[in-house]
Amino acid sequence: MKKQYRSDFDRRQNMRKENYEIFYYSDSHFQSVAEHRHDYFEFYFPVSGKIEMEIEGKRTPLSNRDAVVVPPRTIHRAVTENSERSYCRYVFWISAAYFRKLCTNMKGLSYVTDQAEAGMYIHHFSENEYSLIQSKILRLIEEDRSERYGGDDFTGLCICDLILTLSRLVYEHDHTQTVRQQEDPVQVMMQYIETNLDEDLSLEALGSRFFLSRSHIAHIFLDRTGMSVHRYVTKKRLERCADEIRTGRPISQVYQDYGFRDYSVFFRAFKKEFSISPAGYRAMYLHDPAYPGKRA
């Protein structure tokens, strides 16, 4: 994470902006905060370090693939037993009024907050699911810090994208069988692909998982998306690699994590997709944070 995106930790528990605030905190000596409540929603995403979240008197250890949603007027605090260890996390606040406004045009946003209102505050995600969530957080932070044209509108889209992604993942965790029965197979496969980019996503593997023939999958996928399964998987993997490169992770680690076992293959695919080499992309991004939004 680039230094200019980090926020100095402020123990205040009130919003200074009207609609939302988002922070990336990285502390080497984090101190437990006192119990508190506020009148906005808080989304809390641990990145590294050992921490517990105490909500209405109940403590739960958090992992770096958890998300915590705290509704307004709910007593909570973050607790650590070892303040000497570093602790990193994303914190997103959104006012209840602004959230209700967003929900008027996008009903699906409220699933994860409705769950929190019912007492289900903490959600656990797979590594790939959390990587997807983190990519949404990073896009929001980048847009929040930029001064590009249409910033307010685009930030609103990023907020909806983040919360709707959380709501979808939590809903699917809660309704695994129902989702597979009700959704069309292409939509289910697309979601599976996006959250399992480091797995075997060949036609054979997808066919075994979804009990469909390879030829049928190839036909319906091409018909619905206009591209082959292989092209769709490659595109999604490249997009995730680009997100990871923008966080500062070494390119040599990134491409191997997302199914590219040979750097030359990754290099050619990346350059074809983004019209620039992986190293050039990273260098351009460090020079101009707005660059990932551009295409040649």
C-alpha atoms as a PDB file:
ATOM      1  CA  MET A   1       0.000   0.000   0.000  1.00  0.00           C
ATOM      2  CA  LYS A   2       1.427   3.354  -1.011  1.00  0.00           C
ATOM      3  CA  LYS A   3       2.254   5.716   1.833  1.00  0.00           C
ATOM      4  CA  GLN A   4      -0.037   8.488   0.644  1.00  0.00           C
ATOM      5  CA  TYR A   5      -3.023   6.148   1.082  1.00  0.00           C
ATOM      6  CA  ARG A   6      -2.245   5.502   4.740  1.00  0.00           C
ATOM      7  CA  SER A   7      -4.091   7.428   7.424  1.00  0.00           C
ATOM      8  CA  ASP A   8      -2.619   8.546  10.729  1.00  0.00           C
ATOM      9  CA  PHE A   9      -4.600   6.769  13.430  1.00  0.00           C
ATOM     10  CA  ASP A  10      -7.118   9.081  15.057  1.00  0.00           C
ATOM     11  CA  ARG A  11      -8.971   7.838  18.129  1.00  0.00           C
ATOM     12  CA  ARG A  12     -12.002   9.993  17.304  1.00  0.00           C
ATOM     13  CA  GLN A  13     -15.272   8.129  16.820  1.00  0.00           C
ATOM     14  CA  ASN A  14     -17.218  10.737  14.899  1.00  0.00           C
ATOM     15  CA  MET A  15     -17.428  11.428  11.179  1.00  0.00           C
ATOM     16  CA  ARG A  16     -16.093  14.696   9.845  1.00  0.00           C
ATOM     17  CA  LYS A  17     -17.466  14.152   6.349  1.00  0.00           C
ATOM     18  CA  GLU A  18     -21.185  14.033   5.701  1.00  0.00           C
ATOM     19  CA  ASN A  19     -21.541  10.735   3.839  1.00  0.00           C
ATOM     20  CA  TYR A  20     -18.559   8.453   4.375  1.00  0.00           C
ATOM     21  CA  GLU A  21     -14.908   8.153   5.394  1.00  0.00           C
ATOM     22  CA  ILE A  22     -12.407   5.419   4.583  1.00  0.00           C
ATOM     23  CA  PHE A  23      -9.015   4.766   6.173  1.00  0.00           C
ATOM     24  CA  TYR A  24      -6.043   2.478   5.804  1.00  0.00           C
ATOM     25  CA  TYR A  25      -4.301   2.269   9.173  1.00  0.00           C
ATOM     26  CA  SER A  26      -0.898   0.706   9.817  1.00  0.00           C
ATOM     27  CA  ASP A  27       0.284   0.985  13.428  1.00  0.00           C
ATOM     28  CA  SER A  28       3.367  -0.442  15.082  1.00  0.00           C
ATOM     29  CA  HIS A  29       2.030   0.171  18.615  1.00  0.00           C
ATOM     30  CA  PHE A  30      -1.744  -0.159  18.462  1.00  0.00           C
ATOM     31  CA  GLN A  31      -3.538   0.407  21.771  1.00  0.00           C
ATOM     32  CA  SER A  32      -6.957  -1.084  22.516  1.00  0.00           C
ATOM     33  CA  VAL A  33      -9.711   1.495  22.190  1.00  0.00           C
ATOM     34  CA  ALA A  34     -12.408   2.147  24.780  1.00  0.00           C
ATOM     35  CA  GLU A  35     -15.941   0.848  24.289  1.00  0.00           C
ATOM     36  CA  HIS A  36     -17.938   3.203  22.108  1.00  0.00           C
ATOM     37  CA  ARG A  37     -20.911   3.466  19.782  1.00  0.00           C
ATOM     38  CA  HIS A  38     -21.748   5.815  16.934  1.00  0.00           C
ATOM     39  CA  ASP A  39     -24.621   6.745  14.650  1.00  0.00           C
ATOM     40  CA  TYR A  40     -23.137   5.391  11.394  1.00  0.00           C
ATOM     41  CA  PHE A  41     -22.239   1.975   9.977  1.00  0.00           C
ATOM     42  CA  GLU A  42     -18.668   0.784  10.403  1.00  0.00           C
ATOM     43  CA  PHE A  43     -17.051  -1.799   8.103  1.00  0.00           C
ATOM     44  CA  TYR A  44     -13.831  -3.176   9.566  1.00  0.00           C
ATOM     45  CA  PHE A  45     -11.318  -5.259   7.583  1.00  0.00           C
ATOM     46  CA  PRO A  46      -8.190  -6.640   9.334  1.00  0.00           C
ATOM     47  CA  VAL A  47      -5.143  -6.944   7.078  1.00  0.00           C
ATOM     48  CA  SER A  48      -2.398  -8.131   9.440  1.00  0.00           C
ATOM     49  CA  GLY A  49      -1.734  -8.415  13.154  1.00  0.00           C
ATOM     50  CA  LYS A  50      -3.483 -10.108  16.064  1.00  0.00           C
ATOM     51  CA  ILE A  51      -6.701  -8.404  17.114  1.00  0.00           C
ATOM     52  CA  GLU A  52     -10.046  -9.193  18.737  1.00  0.00           C
ATOM     53  CA  MET A  53     -13.324  -7.393  18.112  1.00  0.00           C
ATOM     54  CA  GLU A  54     -15.565  -6.942  21.120  1.00  0.00           C
ATOM     55  CA  ILE A  55     -19.223  -6.303  20.221  1.00  0.00           C
ATOM     56  CA  GLU A  56     -21.926  -5.938  22.867  1.00  0.00           C
ATOM     57  CA  GLY A  57     -19.566  -7.530  25.391  1.00  0.00           C
ATOM     58  CA  LYS A  58     -18.607 -10.581  23.277  1.00  0.00           C
ATOM     59  CA  ARG A  59     -15.009 -10.889  22.041  1.00  0.00           C
ATOM     60  CA  THR A  60     -14.103 -12.652  18.797  1.00  0.00           C
ATOM     61  CA  PRO A  61     -10.540 -13.128  17.461  1.00  0.00           C
ATOM     62  CA  LEU A  62     -10.236 -11.820  13.911  1.00  0.00           C
ATOM     63  CA  SER A  63      -8.245 -13.233  11.026  1.00  0.00           C
ATOM     64  CA  ASN A  64      -6.910 -11.317   8.036  1.00  0.00           C
ATOM     65  CA  ARG A  65      -9.786 -12.656   5.925  1.00  0.00           C
ATOM     66  CA  ASP A  66     -12.633 -11.402   8.105  1.00  0.00           C
ATOM     67  CA  ALA A  67     -15.006  -8.494   7.674  1.00  0.00           C
ATOM     68  CA  VAL A  68     -16.864  -6.869  10.555  1.00  0.00           C
ATOM     69  CA  VAL A  69     -20.035  -4.839  10.083  1.00  0.00           C
ATOM     70  CA  VAL A  70     -21.076  -2.760  13.081  1.00  0.00           C
ATOM     71  CA  PRO A  71     -24.528  -1.137  12.903  1.00  0.00           C
ATOM     72  CA  PRO A  72     -25.303   2.276  14.407  1.00  0.00           C
ATOM     73  CA  ARG A  73     -25.663   2.432  18.212  1.00  0.00           C
ATOM     74  CA  THR A  74     -23.892  -0.893  18.749  1.00  0.00           C
ATOM     75  CA  ILE A  75     -21.265  -0.952  21.527  1.00  0.00           C
ATOM     76  CA  HIS A  76     -17.932  -2.256  20.267  1.00  0.00           C
ATOM     77  CA  ARG A  77     -14.154  -1.871  20.376  1.00  0.00           C
ATOM     78  CA  ALA A  78     -10.964  -3.390  18.954  1.00  0.00           C
ATOM     79  CA  VAL A  79      -8.783  -5.147  21.538  1.00  0.00           C
ATOM     80  CA  THR A  80      -5.177  -6.337  21.411  1.00  0.00           C
ATOM     81  CA  GLU A  81      -3.152  -8.116  24.055  1.00  0.00           C
ATOM     82  CA  ASN A  82       0.165  -7.245  22.428  1.00  0.00           C
ATOM     83  CA  SER A  83       0.567  -3.596  21.500  1.00  0.00           C
ATOM     84  CA  GLU A  84       4.163  -4.177  20.360  1.00  0.00           C
ATOM     85  CA  ARG A  85       3.078  -5.994  17.191  1.00  0.00           C
ATOM     86  CA  SER A  86       2.136  -4.089  14.054  1.00  0.00           C
ATOM     87  CA  TYR A  87      -1.499  -3.977  13.076  1.00  0.00           C
ATOM     88  CA  CYS A  88      -2.976  -3.002   9.702  1.00  0.00           C
ATOM     89  CA  ARG A  89      -6.636  -2.650   8.746  1.00  0.00           C
ATOM     90  CA  TYR A  90      -9.114  -0.869   6.526  1.00  0.00           C
ATOM     91  CA  VAL A  91     -11.935   1.023   8.218  1.00  0.00           C
ATOM     92  CA  PHE A  92     -14.944   2.309   6.297  1.00  0.00           C
ATOM     93  CA  TRP A  93     -17.649   4.517   7.821  1.00  0.00           C
ATOM     94  CA  ILE A  94     -20.891   5.360   6.054  1.00  0.00           C
ATOM     95  CA  SER A  95     -23.715   7.469   7.454  1.00  0.00           C
ATOM     96  CA  ALA A  96     -27.092   5.818   7.936  1.00  0.00           C
ATOM     97  CA  ALA A  97     -28.800   8.524   5.866  1.00  0.00           C
ATOM     98  CA  TYR A  98     -26.417   8.153   2.913  1.00  0.00           C
ATOM     99  CA  PHE A  99     -26.680   4.383   3.052  1.00  0.00           C
ATOM    100  CA  ARG A 100     -30.484   4.541   2.983  1.00  0.00           C
ATOM    101  CA  LYS A 101     -30.251   6.837  -0.034  1.00  0.00           C
ATOM    102  CA  LEU A 102     -28.066   4.323  -1.883  1.00  0.00           C
ATOM    103  CA  CYS A 103     -30.439   1.505  -0.978  1.00  0.00           C
ATOM    104  CA  THR A 104     -33.437   3.238  -2.585  1.00  0.00           C
ATOM    105  CA  ASN A 105     -32.047   2.372  -6.011  1.00  0.00           C
ATOM    106  CA  MET A 106     -30.132  -0.788  -5.070  1.00  0.00           C
ATOM    107  CA  LYS A 107     -32.070  -3.028  -2.702  1.00  0.00           C
ATOM    108  CA  GLY A 108     -29.426  -5.752  -2.642  1.00  0.00           C
ATOM    109  CA  LEU A 109     -26.976  -3.530  -0.752  1.00  0.00           C
ATOM    110  CA  SER A 110     -28.688  -4.042   2.577  1.00  0.00           C
ATOM    111  CA  TYR A 111     -28.268  -7.806   2.988  1.00  0.00           C
ATOM    112  CA  VAL A 112     -24.989  -7.598   4.897  1.00  0.00           C
ATOM    113  CA  THR A 113     -26.205  -4.693   7.063  1.00  0.00           C
ATOM    114  CA  ASP A 114     -29.508  -6.457   7.752  1.00  0.00           C
ATOM    115  CA  GLN A 115     -27.469  -9.424   8.967  1.00  0.00           C
ATOM    116  CA  ALA A 116     -25.506  -7.115  11.243  1.00  0.00           C
ATOM    117  CA  GLU A 117     -28.715  -5.596  12.621  1.00  0.00           C
ATOM    118  CA  ALA A 118     -29.778  -9.167  13.447  1.00  0.00           C
ATOM    119  CA  GLY A 119     -26.547  -9.747  15.407  1.00  0.00           C
ATOM    120  CA  MET A 120     -24.392 -11.417  12.738  1.00  0.00           C
ATOM    121  CA  TYR A 121     -21.521  -8.948  12.738  1.00  0.00           C
ATOM    122  CA  ILE A 122     -18.494 -10.982  11.619  1.00  0.00           C
ATOM    123  CA  HIS A 123     -18.074 -12.833   8.327  1.00  0.00           C
ATOM    124  CA  HIS A 124     -15.266 -15.160   7.258  1.00  0.00           C
ATOM    125  CA  PHE A 125     -14.093 -15.352   3.659  1.00  0.00           C
ATOM    126  CA  SER A 126     -11.803 -17.516   1.594  1.00  0.00           C
ATOM    127  CA  GLU A 127      -8.470 -16.108   0.429  1.00  0.00           C
ATOM    128  CA  ASN A 128      -9.816 -15.418  -3.041  1.00  0.00           C
ATOM    129  CA  GLU A 129     -13.031 -13.878  -1.751  1.00  0.00           C
ATOM    130  CA  TYR A 130     -11.064 -11.568   0.506  1.00  0.00           C
ATOM    131  CA  SER A 131      -8.747 -10.649  -2.343  1.00  0.00           C
ATOM    132  CA  LEU A 132     -11.814  -9.647  -4.356  1.00  0.00           C
ATOM    133  CA  ILE A 133     -13.107  -7.554  -1.442  1.00  0.00           C
ATOM    134  CA  GLN A 134      -9.712  -5.918  -0.989  1.00  0.00           C
ATOM    135  CA  SER A 135      -9.620  -4.932  -4.663  1.00  0.00           C
ATOM    136  CA  LYS A 136     -12.939  -3.102  -4.147  1.00  0.00           C
ATOM    137  CA  ILE A 137     -11.561  -1.355  -1.060  1.00  0.00           C
ATOM    138  CA  LEU A 138      -8.437  -0.244  -2.908  1.00  0.00           C
ATOM    139  CA  ARG A 139     -10.466   1.182  -5.780  1.00  0.00           C
ATOM    140  CA  LEU A 140     -12.552   3.173  -3.304  1.00  0.00           C
ATOM    141  CA  ILE A 141      -9.470   4.497  -1.494  1.00  0.00           C
ATOM    142  CA  GLU A 142      -7.840   5.498  -4.783  1.00  0.00           C
ATOM    143  CA  GLU A 143     -10.948   7.314  -5.960  1.00  0.00           C
ATOM    144  CA  ASP A 144     -11.449   8.984  -2.586  1.00  0.00           C
ATOM    145  CA  ARG A 145      -7.898  10.366  -2.719  1.00  0.00           C
ATOM    146  CA  SER A 146      -8.048  11.483  -6.354  1.00  0.00           C
ATOM    147  CA  GLU A 147      -9.409  14.676  -7.875  1.00  0.00           C
ATOM    148  CA  ARG A 148     -10.490  13.280 -11.210  1.00  0.00           C
ATOM    149  CA  TYR A 149     -13.576  14.315 -13.141  1.00  0.00           C
ATOM    150  CA  GLY A 150     -16.796  12.768 -11.815  1.00  0.00           C
ATOM    151  CA  GLY A 151     -15.148  11.874  -8.524  1.00  0.00           C
ATOM    152  CA  ASP A 152     -18.281  12.024  -6.359  1.00  0.00           C
ATOM    153  CA  ASP A 153     -20.296   9.897  -8.777  1.00  0.00           C
ATOM    154  CA  PHE A 154     -17.526   7.373  -9.251  1.00  0.00           C
ATOM    155  CA  THR A 155     -16.930   7.149  -5.513  1.00  0.00           C
ATOM    156  CA  GLY A 156     -20.613   6.364  -5.045  1.00  0.00           C
ATOM    157  CA  LEU A 157     -20.274   3.541  -7.554  1.00  0.00           C
ATOM    158  CA  CYS A 158     -17.208   2.209  -5.717  1.00  0.00           C
ATOM    159  CA  ILE A 159     -19.077   2.260  -2.397  1.00  0.00           C
ATOM    160  CA  CYS A 160     -21.998   0.360  -3.922  1.00  0.00           C
ATOM    161  CA  ASP A 161     -19.590  -2.094  -5.551  1.00  0.00           C
ATOM    162  CA  LEU A 162     -17.886  -2.825  -2.220  1.00  0.00           C
ATOM    163  CA  ILE A 163     -21.056  -3.240  -0.148  1.00  0.00           C
ATOM    164  CA  LEU A 164     -22.899  -5.185  -2.841  1.00  0.00           C
ATOM    165  CA  THR A 165     -19.923  -7.541  -3.189  1.00  0.00           C
ATOM    166  CA  LEU A 166     -20.005  -8.147   0.573  1.00  0.00           C
ATOM    167  CA  SER A 167     -23.766  -8.668   0.510  1.00  0.00           C
ATOM    168  CA  ARG A 168     -23.536 -11.106  -2.398  1.00  0.00           C
ATOM    169  CA  LEU A 169     -20.777 -13.170  -0.802  1.00  0.00           C
ATOM    170  CA  VAL A 170     -22.519 -13.306   2.574  1.00  0.00           C
ATOM    171  CA  TYR A 171     -25.831 -14.182   0.937  1.00  0.00           C
ATOM    172  CA  GLU A 172     -24.214 -16.983  -1.027  1.00  0.00           C
ATOM    173  CA  HIS A 173     -22.550 -18.317   2.120  1.00  0.00           C
ATOM    174  CA  ASP A 174     -25.982 -18.388   3.755  1.00  0.00           C
ATOM    175  CA  HIS A 175     -27.859 -19.847   0.754  1.00  0.00           C
ATOM    176  CA  THR A 176     -25.349 -22.087  -1.031  1.00  0.00           C
ATOM    177  CA  GLN A 177     -27.806 -24.675  -2.334  1.00  0.00           C
ATOM    178  CA  THR A 178     -30.602 -22.188  -3.049  1.00  0.00           C
ATOM    179  CA  VAL A 179     -28.297 -19.957  -5.068  1.00  0.00           C
ATOM    180  CA  ARG A 180     -27.129 -22.834  -7.257  1.00  0.00           C
ATOM    181  CA  GLN A 181     -30.697 -23.946  -7.884  1.00  0.00           C
ATOM    182  CA  GLN A 182     -32.098 -20.500  -8.701  1.00  0.00           C
ATOM    183  CA  GLU A 183     -29.315 -18.774 -10.658  1.00  0.00           C
ATOM    184  CA  ASP A 184     -28.504 -19.606 -14.232  1.00  0.00           C
ATOM    185  CA  PRO A 185     -25.387 -21.765 -14.637  1.00  0.00           C
ATOM    186  CA  VAL A 186     -23.332 -19.137 -16.458  1.00  0.00           C
ATOM    187  CA  GLN A 187     -23.861 -16.591 -13.674  1.00  0.00           C
ATOM    188  CA  VAL A 188     -22.937 -19.174 -11.050  1.00  0.00           C
ATOM    189  CA  MET A 189     -19.795 -20.149 -12.989  1.00  0.00           C
ATOM    190  CA  MET A 190     -18.749 -16.523 -13.452  1.00  0.00           C
ATOM    191  CA  GLN A 191     -19.017 -15.925  -9.725  1.00  0.00           C
ATOM    192  CA  TYR A 192     -17.150 -19.140  -8.966  1.00  0.00           C
ATOM    193  CA  ILE A 193     -14.377 -18.189 -11.397  1.00  0.00           C
ATOM    194  CA  GLU A 194     -13.962 -14.713  -9.903  1.00  0.00           C
ATOM    195  CA  THR A 195     -13.587 -16.060  -6.360  1.00  0.00           C
ATOM    196  CA  ASN A 196     -11.343 -19.036  -7.255  1.00  0.00           C
ATOM    197  CA  LEU A 197      -8.831 -17.597  -9.682  1.00  0.00           C
ATOM    198  CA  ASP A 198      -5.963 -19.621  -8.225  1.00  0.00           C
ATOM    199  CA  GLU A 199      -7.755 -22.939  -8.813  1.00  0.00           C
ATOM    200  CA  ASP A 200      -8.005 -25.201 -11.862  1.00  0.00           C
ATOM    201  CA  LEU A 201     -10.627 -23.481 -14.042  1.00  0.00           C
ATOM    202  CA  SER A 202     -10.382 -25.621 -17.130  1.00  0.00           C
ATOM    203  CA  LEU A 203     -13.494 -26.849 -18.912  1.00  0.00           C
ATOM    204  CA  GLU A 204     -12.877 -30.267 -17.397  1.00  0.00           C
ATOM    205  CA  ALA A 205     -12.705 -28.889 -13.853  1.00  0.00           C
ATOM    206  CA  LEU A 206     -15.783 -26.682 -14.300  1.00  0.00           C
ATOM    207  CA  GLY A 207     -17.684 -29.565 -15.850  1.00  0.00           C
ATOM    208  CA  SER A 208     -16.910 -31.799 -12.864  1.00  0.00           C
ATOM    209  CA  ARG A 209     -17.927 -29.122 -10.373  1.00  0.00           C
ATOM    210  CA  PHE A 210     -21.188 -28.090 -12.050  1.00  0.00           C
ATOM    211  CA  PHE A 211     -22.134 -31.487 -13.514  1.00  0.00           C
ATOM    212  CA  LEU A 212     -22.231 -30.209 -17.085  1.00  0.00           C
ATOM    213  CA  SER A 213     -20.450 -31.421 -20.186  1.00  0.00           C
ATOM    214  CA  ARG A 214     -17.460 -29.486 -21.486  1.00  0.00           C
ATOM    215  CA  SER A 215     -19.170 -28.812 -24.809  1.00  0.00           C
ATOM    216  CA  HIS A 216     -22.321 -27.507 -23.096  1.00  0.00           C
ATOM    217  CA  ILE A 217     -20.314 -25.169 -20.852  1.00  0.00           C
ATOM    218  CA  ALA A 218     -18.312 -23.888 -23.814  1.00  0.00           C
ATOM    219  CA  HIS A 219     -21.507 -23.256 -25.813  1.00  0.00           C
ATOM    220  CA  ILE A 220     -23.582 -21.469 -23.148  1.00  0.00           C
ATOM    221  CA  PHE A 221     -20.603 -19.421 -21.918  1.00  0.00           C
ATOM    222  CA  LEU A 222     -19.737 -18.178 -25.400  1.00  0.00           C
ATOM    223  CA  ASP A 223     -23.388 -17.469 -26.116  1.00  0.00           C
ATOM    224  CA  ARG A 224     -23.869 -15.437 -22.929  1.00  0.00           C
ATOM    225  CA  THR A 225     -20.536 -13.622 -22.621  1.00  0.00           C
ATOM    226  CA  GLY A 226     -19.235 -13.445 -26.183  1.00  0.00           C
ATOM    227  CA  MET A 227     -15.943 -15.020 -25.148  1.00  0.00           C
ATOM    228  CA  SER A 228     -14.606 -18.462 -24.401  1.00  0.00           C
ATOM    229  CA  VAL A 229     -14.198 -19.749 -20.867  1.00  0.00           C
ATOM    230  CA  HIS A 230     -10.413 -19.640 -21.315  1.00  0.00           C
ATOM    231  CA  ARG A 231     -10.494 -16.002 -22.444  1.00  0.00           C
ATOM    232  CA  TYR A 232     -12.809 -14.999 -19.568  1.00  0.00           C
ATOM    233  CA  VAL A 233     -10.637 -16.751 -16.966  1.00  0.00           C
ATOM    234  CA  THR A 234      -7.467 -15.190 -18.381  1.00  0.00           C
ATOM    235  CA  LYS A 235      -9.023 -11.720 -18.388  1.00  0.00           C
ATOM    236  CA  LYS A 236     -10.164 -12.016 -14.768  1.00  0.00           C
ATOM    237  CA  ARG A 237      -6.787 -13.348 -13.677  1.00  0.00           C
ATOM    238  CA  LEU A 238      -4.998 -10.472 -15.390  1.00  0.00           C
ATOM    239  CA  GLU A 239      -7.306  -7.932 -13.766  1.00  0.00           C
ATOM    240  CA  ARG A 240      -6.613  -9.463 -10.333  1.00  0.00           C
ATOM    241  CA  CYS A 241      -2.880  -9.489 -11.036  1.00  0.00           C
ATOM    242  CA  ALA A 242      -3.080  -5.784 -11.909  1.00  0.00           C
ATOM    243  CA  ASP A 243      -4.872  -5.097  -8.604  1.00  0.00           C
ATOM    244  CA  GLU A 244      -2.170  -6.996  -6.702  1.00  0.00           C
ATOM    245  CA  ILE A 245       0.654  -5.211  -8.528  1.00  0.00           C
ATOM    246  CA  ARG A 246      -0.925  -1.893  -7.539  1.00  0.00           C
ATOM    247  CA  THR A 247      -0.706  -2.889  -3.845  1.00  0.00           C
ATOM    248  CA  GLY A 248       3.070  -3.203  -4.184  1.00  0.00           C
ATOM    249  CA  ARG A 249       3.352  -7.001  -4.186  1.00  0.00           C
ATOM    250  CA  PRO A 250       6.297  -8.371  -6.207  1.00  0.00           C
ATOM    251  CA  ILE A 251       5.328  -9.261  -9.765  1.00  0.00           C
ATOM    252  CA  SER A 252       7.234 -12.546  -9.430  1.00  0.00           C
ATOM    253  CA  GLN A 253       4.791 -13.635  -6.699  1.00  0.00           C
ATOM    254  CA  VAL A 254       1.620 -12.249  -8.209  1.00  0.00           C
ATOM    255  CA  TYR A 255       1.547 -14.055 -11.532  1.00  0.00           C
ATOM    256  CA  GLN A 256       2.155 -17.445  -9.901  1.00  0.00           C
ATOM    257  CA  ASP A 257      -0.692 -16.912  -7.426  1.00  0.00           C
ATOM    258  CA  TYR A 258      -3.226 -16.562 -10.221  1.00  0.00           C
ATOM    259  CA  GLY A 259      -2.562 -19.529 -12.447  1.00  0.00           C
ATOM    260  CA  PHE A 260       0.313 -18.262 -14.619  1.00  0.00           C
ATOM    261  CA  ARG A 261       3.072 -20.799 -14.092  1.00  0.00           C
ATOM    262  CA  ASP A 262       5.362 -19.324 -16.737  1.00  0.00           C
ATOM    263  CA  TYR A 263       6.398 -15.647 -16.681  1.00  0.00           C
ATOM    264  CA  SER A 264       6.729 -15.379 -20.458  1.00  0.00           C
ATOM    265  CA  VAL A 265       3.096 -16.471 -20.892  1.00  0.00           C
ATOM    266  CA  PHE A 266       2.001 -13.986 -18.220  1.00  0.00           C
ATOM    267  CA  PHE A 267       4.088 -11.209 -19.771  1.00  0.00           C
ATOM    268  CA  ARG A 268       2.551 -11.648 -23.217  1.00  0.00           C
ATOM    269  CA  ALA A 269      -1.009 -11.905 -21.886  1.00  0.00           C
ATOM    270  CA  PHE A 270      -0.591  -8.877 -19.615  1.00  0.00           C
ATOM    271  CA  LYS A 271       0.883  -6.725 -22.370  1.00  0.00           C
ATOM    272  CA  LYS A 272      -1.915  -7.733 -24.747  1.00  0.00           C
ATOM    273  CA  GLU A 273      -4.567  -6.868 -22.154  1.00  0.00           C
ATOM    274  CA  PHE A 274      -3.132  -3.575 -20.857  1.00  0.00           C
ATOM    275  CA  SER A 275      -0.862  -2.498 -23.741  1.00  0.00           C
ATOM    276  CA  ILE A 276       2.078  -2.257 -21.350  1.00  0.00           C
ATOM    277  CA  SER A 277       4.426  -4.709 -19.627  1.00  0.00           C
ATOM    278  CA  PRO A 278       3.819  -5.684 -15.962  1.00  0.00           C
ATOM    279  CA  ALA A 279       6.912  -3.766 -14.872  1.00  0.00           C
ATOM    280  CA  GLY A 280       5.899  -0.777 -16.987  1.00  0.00           C
ATOM    281  CA  TYR A 281       2.390  -0.884 -15.506  1.00  0.00           C
ATOM    282  CA  ARG A 282       3.780  -0.817 -12.007  1.00  0.00           C
ATOM    283  CA  ALA A 283       6.192   2.002 -12.804  1.00  0.00           C
ATOM    284  CA  MET A 284       3.438   4.032 -14.460  1.00  0.00           C
ATOM    285  CA  TYR A 285       1.115   3.442 -11.527  1.00  0.00           C
ATOM    286  CA  LEU A 286       3.691   4.582  -9.009  1.00  0.00           C
ATOM    287  CA  HIS A 287       4.185   7.705 -11.094  1.00  0.00           C
ATOM    288  CA  ASP A 288       0.472   8.296 -11.753  1.00  0.00           C
ATOM    289  CA  PRO A 289      -2.102   6.588  -9.473  1.00  0.00           C
ATOM    290  CA  ALA A 290      -4.845   7.383 -11.991  1.00  0.00           C
ATOM    291  CA  TYR A 291      -3.159   5.336 -14.719  1.00  0.00           C
ATOM    292  CA  PRO A 292      -4.947   1.966 -14.093  1.00  0.00           C
ATOM    293  CA  GLY A 293      -8.186   3.569 -15.214  1.00  0.00           C
ATOM    294  CA  LYS A 294      -6.728   4.321 -18.643  1.00  0.00           C
ATOM    295  CA  ARG A 295      -6.576   2.003 -21.596  1.00  0.00           C
ATOM    296  CA  ALA A 296      -4.629   2.435 -24.803  1.00  0.00           C
END
